């Protein structure tokens, strides 16, 4: 490989560069130990450029790398703050979470019910069975006097009370082991349909309140749930009768 020798250090010292090169080649064939720099062939560098040491150029950032880093940072979910509600962390030292409260009137349906402990409620069951039979008879009589949608509404009201009578009778039998047959009612309804509906509206409110009172008084969870459901039906019946009167 041809080498190029830099003779700039000899300038200003009165030494002929060619003579120095011939003498040095005879004395020291190894040009790497020459006090003059020996560089491989290439374009000549100016003095300022030759004196500055080479520095590696910075690695260019490509768009793909920048996009990948940005995408990776964007895809990382933010670290949530420590706002975990109490009792949801297994290692927390807070007391055990309280069990959810049951709906009003439903009671604890997982416990025993309709047994000997429910015998104090048999009087309430007999009263409600008599009312249910009375409500079924009144609803049937009103349906026979109505027409169209009013007739269908009142027939459904009578069917609800017949079902309530069966539910109450079954609960009574499970508690006592015997059947109870309430007396046959004789509804005294006004000859005027609007006035008869007004009477039934008041009666349904009475039915609702009697069931709510029975639900509060009983200690049996199954009876409490039954009485609460029948009270809700009474409120719906009263609303249906009110809607019929609004259409007249």
Protein backbone atom coordinates (compact mmCIF):
# COMPACT_ATOMS: atom_id res chain seq x y z
CA UNK A 1 0.00 0.00 0.00
CA UNK A 2 1.33 3.39 -0.99
CA UNK A 3 1.81 5.72 1.97
CA UNK A 4 1.83 9.44 2.08
CA UNK A 5 4.24 11.23 4.42
CA UNK A 6 3.43 14.57 5.93
CA UNK A 7 6.59 16.82 5.77
CA UNK A 8 4.95 19.87 7.29
CA UNK A 9 6.97 19.53 10.57
CA UNK A 10 10.23 20.11 8.54
CA UNK A 11 9.13 23.46 7.25
CA UNK A 12 11.05 26.39 8.78
CA UNK A 13 13.96 24.10 9.94
CA UNK A 14 16.16 24.25 6.75
CA UNK A 15 15.81 20.46 6.11
CA UNK A 16 15.16 19.18 2.62
CA UNK A 17 12.22 16.79 2.80
CA UNK A 18 13.46 14.48 -0.02
CA UNK A 19 16.89 14.13 1.58
CA UNK A 20 15.33 13.35 4.98
CA UNK A 21 13.06 10.71 3.43
CA UNK A 22 15.93 8.89 1.64
CA UNK A 23 18.09 8.89 4.76
CA UNK A 24 15.28 7.67 7.00
CA UNK A 25 14.31 4.85 4.62
CA UNK A 26 17.89 3.52 4.68
CA UNK A 27 18.21 3.79 8.46
CA UNK A 28 14.61 2.91 9.57
CA UNK A 29 12.66 0.86 7.01
CA UNK A 30 9.76 0.76 9.49
CA UNK A 31 7.94 3.93 8.57
CA UNK A 32 5.53 3.59 11.55
CA UNK A 33 8.27 4.91 13.90
CA UNK A 34 9.03 7.96 11.80
CA UNK A 35 8.66 11.29 13.63
CA UNK A 36 6.68 12.37 10.59
CA UNK A 37 3.11 11.18 10.28
CA UNK A 38 2.53 8.51 7.68
CA UNK A 39 -1.09 8.31 6.53
CA UNK A 40 -2.77 6.08 3.99
CA UNK A 41 -3.47 7.69 0.63
CA UNK A 42 -6.52 9.83 0.52
CA UNK A 43 -7.65 13.38 0.02
CA UNK A 44 -5.39 15.92 1.63
CA UNK A 45 -6.69 17.48 4.81
CA UNK A 46 -6.13 21.04 5.79
CA UNK A 47 -4.16 21.71 8.94
CA UNK A 48 -7.17 22.62 11.11
CA UNK A 49 -9.03 19.53 10.00
CA UNK A 50 -6.00 17.25 10.59
CA UNK A 51 -5.53 18.51 14.14
CA UNK A 52 -9.13 17.82 15.24
CA UNK A 53 -9.61 14.24 16.45
CA UNK A 54 -12.31 12.30 14.76
CA UNK A 55 -15.55 11.91 16.74
CA UNK A 56 -18.24 9.38 15.98
CA UNK A 57 -21.26 10.96 14.42
CA UNK A 58 -24.47 10.60 16.41
CA UNK A 59 -26.75 7.76 15.42
CA UNK A 60 -29.62 9.24 13.41
CA UNK A 61 -33.06 8.69 14.78
CA UNK A 62 -35.29 7.15 12.19
CA UNK A 63 -38.98 7.83 11.99
CA UNK A 64 -39.76 4.17 12.60
CA UNK A 65 -37.78 4.11 15.85
CA UNK A 66 -39.29 7.37 17.03
CA UNK A 67 -42.77 6.16 16.18
CA UNK A 68 -42.14 2.83 17.90
CA UNK A 69 -40.96 4.52 21.08
CA UNK A 70 -43.89 6.94 20.98
CA UNK A 71 -46.33 4.14 20.31
CA UNK A 72 -44.89 2.02 23.12
CA UNK A 73 -45.16 4.93 25.53
CA UNK A 74 -48.72 5.65 24.39
CA UNK A 75 -49.77 2.03 24.72
CA UNK A 76 -48.66 1.78 28.33
CA UNK A 77 -51.65 2.25 30.65
CA UNK A 78 -51.36 4.99 33.25
CA UNK A 79 -50.55 3.85 36.75
CA UNK A 80 -53.73 4.32 38.76
CA UNK A 81 -53.68 6.12 42.03
CA UNK A 82 -54.14 4.13 45.20
CA UNK A 83 -57.91 4.59 45.30
CA UNK A 84 -58.92 0.96 45.83
CA UNK A 85 -62.02 0.84 48.01
CA UNK A 86 -61.71 -0.75 51.40
CA UNK A 87 -62.07 -4.53 51.68
CA UNK A 88 -61.28 -5.17 47.99
CA UNK A 89 -57.57 -5.80 48.65
CA UNK A 90 -56.88 -9.26 50.11
CA UNK A 91 -54.05 -8.00 52.30
CA UNK A 92 -55.86 -5.02 53.76
CA UNK A 93 -56.32 -4.87 57.48
CA UNK A 94 -59.81 -3.38 57.52
CA UNK A 95 -62.74 -5.34 59.00
CA UNK A 96 -64.75 -7.69 56.83
CA UNK A 97 -67.20 -5.97 54.48
CA UNK A 98 -70.77 -6.09 55.81
CA UNK A 99 -73.23 -8.25 53.93
CA UNK A 100 -75.77 -6.39 51.77
CA UNK A 101 -79.03 -5.62 53.50
CA UNK A 102 -82.06 -7.47 52.13
CA UNK A 103 -84.96 -5.65 50.56
CA UNK A 104 -87.50 -4.30 53.01
CA UNK A 105 -90.01 -7.01 53.85
CA UNK A 106 -88.09 -9.86 52.22
CA UNK A 107 -86.35 -11.06 55.38
CA UNK A 108 -83.80 -13.82 55.49
CA UNK A 109 -85.22 -16.38 53.06
CA UNK A 110 -82.32 -18.75 53.69
CA UNK A 111 -83.52 -19.54 57.23
CA UNK A 112 -86.31 -21.96 58.25
CA UNK A 113 -89.82 -20.68 57.70
CA UNK A 114 -93.49 -21.70 57.76
CA UNK A 115 -92.88 -23.96 60.77
CA UNK A 116 -93.96 -24.04 64.39
CA UNK A 117 -92.31 -20.66 65.03
CA UNK A 118 -94.80 -19.05 62.61
CA UNK A 119 -97.91 -20.16 64.55
CA UNK A 120 -98.44 -16.66 66.08
CA UNK A 121 -99.16 -15.42 62.53
CA UNK A 122 -102.09 -17.79 61.87
CA UNK A 123 -104.60 -15.15 62.98
CA UNK A 124 -103.22 -12.70 60.42
CA UNK A 125 -103.38 -15.40 57.75
CA UNK A 126 -107.07 -16.06 58.49
CA UNK A 127 -107.87 -12.34 58.28
CA UNK A 128 -106.04 -11.96 54.99
CA UNK A 129 -107.64 -15.07 53.48
CA UNK A 130 -111.08 -13.64 54.23
CA UNK A 131 -110.09 -10.32 52.62
CA UNK A 132 -108.62 -12.05 49.57
CA UNK A 133 -111.84 -13.98 48.99
CA UNK A 134 -113.82 -10.74 49.38
CA UNK A 135 -111.57 -8.93 46.90
CA UNK A 136 -111.92 -11.72 44.32
CA UNK A 137 -115.73 -11.62 44.57
CA UNK A 138 -115.83 -7.81 44.25
CA UNK A 139 -113.48 -7.82 41.28
CA UNK A 140 -115.59 -10.44 39.49
CA UNK A 141 -118.78 -8.45 40.11
CA UNK A 142 -117.20 -5.23 38.80
CA UNK A 143 -115.82 -6.96 35.71
CA UNK A 144 -119.33 -8.18 34.84
CA UNK A 145 -120.55 -4.56 34.83
CA UNK A 146 -117.66 -3.06 32.85
CA UNK A 147 -116.82 -3.25 29.14
CA UNK A 148 -113.72 -3.20 26.96
CA UNK A 149 -110.37 -2.59 28.59
CA UNK A 150 -112.04 -1.83 31.93
CA UNK A 151 -113.56 -5.30 32.01
CA UNK A 152 -110.18 -6.91 31.33
CA UNK A 153 -108.52 -4.84 34.05
CA UNK A 154 -111.10 -5.75 36.67
CA UNK A 155 -111.02 -9.44 35.66
CA UNK A 156 -107.24 -9.42 36.18
CA UNK A 157 -107.78 -7.79 39.58
CA UNK A 158 -110.14 -10.61 40.59
CA UNK A 159 -107.63 -13.22 39.36
CA UNK A 160 -104.88 -11.65 41.50
CA UNK A 161 -107.01 -11.99 44.63
CA UNK A 162 -107.86 -15.63 43.86
CA UNK A 163 -104.14 -16.36 43.53
CA UNK A 164 -103.46 -14.53 46.80
CA UNK A 165 -106.06 -16.72 48.49
CA UNK A 166 -104.27 -19.86 47.28
CA UNK A 167 -100.89 -18.57 48.46
CA UNK A 168 -102.21 -17.70 51.91
CA UNK A 169 -104.04 -21.03 52.21
CA UNK A 170 -100.86 -22.98 51.33
CA UNK A 171 -98.84 -21.05 53.96
CA UNK A 172 -101.54 -21.65 56.56
CA UNK A 173 -101.56 -25.40 55.82
CA UNK A 174 -97.75 -25.67 56.07
CA UNK A 175 -97.81 -24.00 59.50
CA UNK A 176 -100.85 -25.73 61.04
CA UNK A 177 -101.33 -28.91 59.01
CA UNK A 178 -104.99 -28.12 58.37
CA UNK A 179 -107.10 -26.21 55.89
CA UNK A 180 -108.94 -22.98 56.61
CA UNK A 181 -112.01 -21.99 54.60
CA UNK A 182 -112.91 -18.29 54.98
CA UNK A 183 -116.60 -17.34 54.95
CA UNK A 184 -118.27 -16.62 51.60
CA UNK A 185 -118.46 -12.85 51.13
CA UNK A 186 -121.38 -10.83 49.79
CA UNK A 187 -119.94 -7.61 48.26
CA UNK A 188 -122.19 -4.59 48.82
CA UNK A 189 -121.29 -2.47 45.81
CA UNK A 190 -123.06 0.68 44.68
CA UNK A 191 -125.36 0.36 41.64
CA UNK A 192 -123.34 3.16 40.01
CA UNK A 193 -120.16 1.79 38.43
CA UNK A 194 -118.06 4.90 39.23
CA UNK A 195 -119.16 4.78 42.87
CA UNK A 196 -118.54 1.02 43.00
CA UNK A 197 -115.03 1.60 41.63
CA UNK A 198 -114.52 4.25 44.30
CA UNK A 199 -115.49 1.67 46.94
CA UNK A 200 -113.06 -0.87 45.50
CA UNK A 201 -110.31 1.78 45.38
CA UNK A 202 -110.71 2.30 49.15
CA UNK A 203 -110.84 -1.45 49.70
CA UNK A 204 -107.56 -2.03 47.83
CA UNK A 205 -105.87 0.58 50.01
CA UNK A 206 -107.14 -1.27 53.05
CA UNK A 207 -105.80 -4.54 51.59
CA UNK A 208 -102.36 -2.95 51.09
CA UNK A 209 -102.17 -1.56 54.64
CA UNK A 210 -103.32 -4.82 56.24
CA UNK A 211 -100.59 -6.76 54.43
CA UNK A 212 -97.93 -4.22 55.38
CA UNK A 213 -98.95 -4.43 59.04
CA UNK A 214 -98.82 -8.23 58.90
CA UNK A 215 -95.35 -8.08 57.34
CA UNK A 216 -94.10 -5.88 60.17
CA UNK A 217 -95.60 -8.03 62.89
CA UNK A 218 -94.52 -11.49 61.75
CA UNK A 219 -91.15 -12.98 62.60
CA UNK A 220 -91.32 -15.55 59.81
CA UNK A 221 -89.20 -14.57 56.77
CA UNK A 222 -91.34 -16.40 54.20
CA UNK A 223 -94.57 -14.84 55.50
CA UNK A 224 -92.94 -11.41 55.51
CA UNK A 225 -92.01 -11.79 51.85
CA UNK A 226 -95.51 -13.01 50.96
CA UNK A 227 -97.28 -10.19 52.79
CA UNK A 228 -94.99 -7.56 51.24
CA UNK A 229 -95.70 -8.84 47.74
CA UNK A 230 -99.46 -8.80 48.31
CA UNK A 231 -99.23 -5.22 49.61
CA UNK A 232 -97.54 -4.18 46.37
CA UNK A 233 -100.36 -5.79 44.38
CA UNK A 234 -102.89 -3.78 46.37
CA UNK A 235 -101.09 -0.55 45.45
CA UNK A 236 -101.12 -1.55 41.77
CA UNK A 237 -104.83 -2.38 41.91
CA UNK A 238 -105.63 1.02 43.39
CA UNK A 239 -103.64 2.71 40.60
CA UNK A 240 -105.46 0.68 37.94
CA UNK A 241 -108.89 1.65 39.35
CA UNK A 242 -107.85 5.30 39.44
CA UNK A 243 -106.84 5.08 35.78
CA UNK A 244 -110.24 3.60 34.87
CA UNK A 245 -112.04 6.45 36.62
CA UNK A 246 -109.89 8.98 34.75
CA UNK A 247 -111.12 7.53 31.46
CA UNK A 248 -114.82 7.84 32.38
